[in-house]
């Protein structure tokens, strides 16, 4: 089972790699979570991969958080699976091979 602490560590590792963000004006439209979920679903495969391996450089802290939230929502919806391998949380497309 994947714990909340495991997920927090995965996000923390990703955030350490994030590029600094420029200040954006208020009111600028953001990407929707459903749009980000499509991006993440496209990046998922049948092979287990860490969040760090899925997100390509360069990315900002906001983008890292969007990836993480989209992945959590896909797991909640049963479209993605998560498990712990050693020190890492890894993700894959949910299917019959991934309970």
Foldseek 3Di string as FASTA:
>chain_A
DQDPVQLVVLLVVQQVQEDEDDDDDPPDDDDDLVVLLVVLLVQAAQDWDGLNVSDDPHHHNVNSVSNSVSQVVCVVVQQKAWDDDPSHITMHGHDPVGD
